[in-house]
C-alpha atoms as a PDB file:
ATOM      1  CA  MET A   1     -44.846-196.457 -27.646  1.00  0.00           C
ATOM      2  CA  GLU A   2     -43.237-199.855 -27.693  1.00  0.00           C
ATOM      3  CA  GLU A   3     -42.353-199.318 -31.325  1.00  0.00           C
ATOM      4  CA  VAL A   4     -40.472-196.153 -30.373  1.00  0.00           C
ATOM      5  CA  ASN A   5     -38.574-198.076 -27.669  1.00  0.00           C
ATOM      6  CA  VAL A   6     -37.586-200.744 -30.237  1.00  0.00           C
ATOM      7  CA  ILE A   7     -36.384-198.085 -32.668  1.00  0.00           C
ATOM      8  CA  LEU A   8     -34.418-196.354 -29.890  1.00  0.00           C
ATOM      9  CA  GLU A   9     -32.878-199.702 -28.864  1.00  0.00           C
ATOM     10  CA  ARG A  10     -31.784-200.353 -32.475  1.00  0.00           C
ATOM     11  CA  HIS A  11     -30.268-196.877 -32.709  1.00  0.00           C
ATOM     12  CA  GLU A  12     -28.470-197.437 -29.431  1.00  0.00           C
ATOM     13  CA  GLN A  13     -27.035-200.737 -30.689  1.00  0.00           C
ATOM     14  CA  LYS A  14     -25.936-199.071 -33.919  1.00  0.00           C
ATOM     15  CA  LEU A  15     -24.252-196.272 -31.921  1.00  0.00           C
ATOM     16  CA  ILE A  16     -22.433-198.827 -29.767  1.00  0.00           C
ATOM     17  CA  ALA A  17     -21.255-200.649 -32.896  1.00  0.00           C
ATOM     18  CA  LEU A  18     -20.108-197.374 -34.483  1.00  0.00           C
ATOM     19  CA  GLU A  19     -18.231-196.372 -31.317  1.00  0.00           C
ATOM     20  CA  ARG A  20     -16.489-199.756 -31.341  1.00  0.00           C
ATOM     21  CA  ASP A  21     -15.565-199.274 -35.012  1.00  0.00           C
ATOM     22  CA  VAL A  22     -14.197-195.783 -34.295  1.00  0.00           C
ATOM     23  CA  ALA A  23     -12.090-197.156 -31.435  1.00  0.00           C
ATOM     24  CA  ASP A  24     -10.712-199.841 -33.759  1.00  0.00           C
ATOM     25  CA  LEU A  25      -9.960-197.224 -36.408  1.00  0.00           C
ATOM     26  CA  ARG A  26      -8.071-195.110 -33.863  1.00  0.00           C
ATOM     27  CA  GLN A  27      -5.881-198.101 -33.084  1.00  0.00           C
ATOM     28  CA  VAL A  28      -5.248-198.684 -36.799  1.00  0.00           C
ATOM     29  CA  GLN A  29      -4.459-194.991 -37.223  1.00  0.00           C
ATOM     30  CA  ALA A  30      -1.909-195.162 -34.389  1.00  0.00           C
ATOM     31  CA  GLU A  31      -0.286-198.209 -35.991  1.00  0.00           C
ATOM     32  CA  ILE A  32      -0.118-196.426 -39.353  1.00  0.00           C
ATOM     33  CA  ARG A  33       1.589-193.438 -37.698  1.00  0.00           C
ATOM     34  CA  THR A  34       4.118-195.747 -36.068  1.00  0.00           C
ATOM     35  CA  MET A  35       4.786-197.492 -39.375  1.00  0.00           C
ATOM     36  CA  ASN A  36       5.170-194.117 -41.101  1.00  0.00           C
ATOM     37  CA  GLU A  37       7.745-192.970 -38.539  1.00  0.00           C
ATOM     38  CA  THR A  38       9.612-196.262 -38.878  1.00  0.00           C
ATOM     39  CA  LEU A  39       9.593-195.944 -42.672  1.00  0.00           C
ATOM     40  CA  ALA A  40      10.954-192.396 -42.455  1.00  0.00           C
ATOM     41  CA  THR A  41      13.758-193.593 -40.184  1.00  0.00           C
ATOM     42  CA  LEU A  42      14.588-196.507 -42.484  1.00  0.00           C
ATOM     43  CA  THR A  43      14.626-194.216 -45.501  1.00  0.00           C
ATOM     44  CA  SER A  44      17.064-191.875 -43.784  1.00  0.00           C
ATOM     45  CA  GLU A  45      19.306-194.752 -42.724  1.00  0.00           C
ATOM     46  CA  LEU A  46      19.210-196.200 -46.243  1.00  0.00           C
ATOM     47  CA  LYS A  47      20.288-192.844 -47.667  1.00  0.00           C
ATOM     48  CA  HIS A  48      23.265-192.712 -45.302  1.00  0.00           C
ATOM     49  CA  THR A  49      24.118-196.326 -46.090  1.00  0.00           C
ATOM     50  CA  ASN A  50      24.086-195.592 -49.834  1.00  0.00           C
ATOM     51  CA  GLU A  51      26.388-192.596 -49.323  1.00  0.00           C
ATOM     52  CA  HIS A  52      28.727-194.738 -47.234  1.00  0.00           C
ATOM     53  CA  LEU A  53      28.699-197.453 -49.893  1.00  0.00           C
ATOM     54  CA  ALA A  54      29.478-194.917 -52.628  1.00  0.00           C
ATOM     55  CA  ARG A  55      32.517-193.691 -50.656  1.00  0.00           C
ATOM     56  CA  HIS A  56      33.770-197.255 -50.298  1.00  0.00           C
ATOM     57  CA  GLU A  57      33.258-197.926 -54.006  1.00  0.00           C
ATOM     58  CA  ARG A  58      35.370-194.871 -54.859  1.00  0.00           C
ATOM     59  CA  LYS A  59      38.107-196.042 -52.493  1.00  0.00           C
ATOM     60  CA  ILE A  60      38.063-199.538 -53.972  1.00  0.00           C
ATOM     61  CA  GLU A  61      38.340-198.126 -57.503  1.00  0.00           C
ATOM     62  CA  GLU A  62      41.241-195.953 -56.385  1.00  0.00           C
ATOM     63  CA  ILE A  63      43.028-198.903 -54.768  1.00  0.00           C
ATOM     64  CA  ASP A  64      42.297-201.050 -57.824  1.00  0.00           C
ATOM     65  CA  SER A  65      43.826-198.490 -60.195  1.00  0.00           C
ATOM     66  CA  GLN A  66      47.111-198.170 -58.254  1.00  0.00           C
ATOM     67  CA  PRO A  67      48.714-201.405 -59.562  1.00  0.00           C
ATOM     68  CA  LYS A  68      47.851-200.396 -63.135  1.00  0.00           C
ATOM     69  CA  LYS A  69      49.538-197.033 -62.665  1.00  0.00           C
ATOM     70  CA  ARG A  70      52.586-198.685 -61.106  1.00  0.00           C
ATOM     71  CA  LEU A  71      52.809-201.202 -63.957  1.00  0.00           C
ATOM     72  CA  GLN A  72      52.679-198.367 -66.493  1.00  0.00           C
ATOM     73  CA  GLN A  73      55.505-196.588 -64.661  1.00  0.00           C
ATOM     74  CA  ILE A  74      57.620-199.768 -64.680  1.00  0.00           C
ATOM     75  CA  ILE A  75      56.978-200.344 -68.396  1.00  0.00           C
ATOM     76  CA  THR A  76      57.871-196.709 -69.152  1.00  0.00           C
ATOM     77  CA  ALA A  77      61.108-197.036 -67.140  1.00  0.00           C
ATOM     78  CA  ILE A  78      62.042-200.278 -68.948  1.00  0.00           C
ATOM     79  CA  ILE A  79      61.405-198.737 -72.363  1.00  0.00           C
ATOM     80  CA  ALA A  80      63.415-195.639 -71.419  1.00  0.00           C
ATOM     81  CA  ALA A  81      66.291-197.799 -70.132  1.00  0.00           C
ATOM     82  CA  LEU A  82      66.286-199.937 -73.289  1.00  0.00           C
ATOM     83  CA  ALA A  83      66.137-196.880 -75.525  1.00  0.00           C
ATOM     84  CA  GLY A  84      68.977-195.232 -73.559  1.00  0.00           C
ATOM     85  CA  GLY A  85      71.031-198.410 -73.734  1.00  0.00           C
ATOM     86  CA  LEU A  86      70.385-198.763 -77.450  1.00  0.00           C
ATOM     87  CA  ILE A  87      71.338-195.152 -78.110  1.00  0.00           C
ATOM     88  CA  SER A  88      74.499-195.546 -75.986  1.00  0.00           C
ATOM     89  CA  TRP A  89      75.431-198.713 -77.880  1.00  0.00           C
ATOM     90  CA  ILE A  90      74.848-196.983 -81.248  1.00  0.00           C
ATOM     91  CA  ILE A  91      76.944-193.976 -80.171  1.00  0.00           C
ATOM     92  CA  GLY A  92      79.646-196.276 -78.858  1.00  0.00           C
ATOM     93  CA  ALA A  93      79.650-198.310 -82.070  1.00  0.00           C
ATOM     94  CA  VAL A  94      79.830-195.183 -84.222  1.00  0.00           C
ATOM     95  CA  THR A  95      82.690-193.605 -82.246  1.00  0.00           C
ATOM     96  CA  ILE A  96      84.692-196.812 -82.065  1.00  0.00           C
ATOM     97  CA  GLY A  97      84.095-197.724 -85.621  1.00  0.00           C
END
């Protein structure tokens, strides 16, 4: 009979240990859920940040290209003015001469 009591005591101790382990695992599970929710939030915020960054990059490229366009317009105007002046000079020289 005493042997049965010893076996029951061992089983009881094992059950107590298992219950403690299950309680610890529940706490770990809750922490994992919290981390998962935090990760989902961070992922969403990162996506919005990347979209925002892409918009700013496009604006910067647009602003950066404006001086180049303006310089091309100035060069075109100078060439047109020189060509017009040269043609006027040639016409004037031909009609006078």
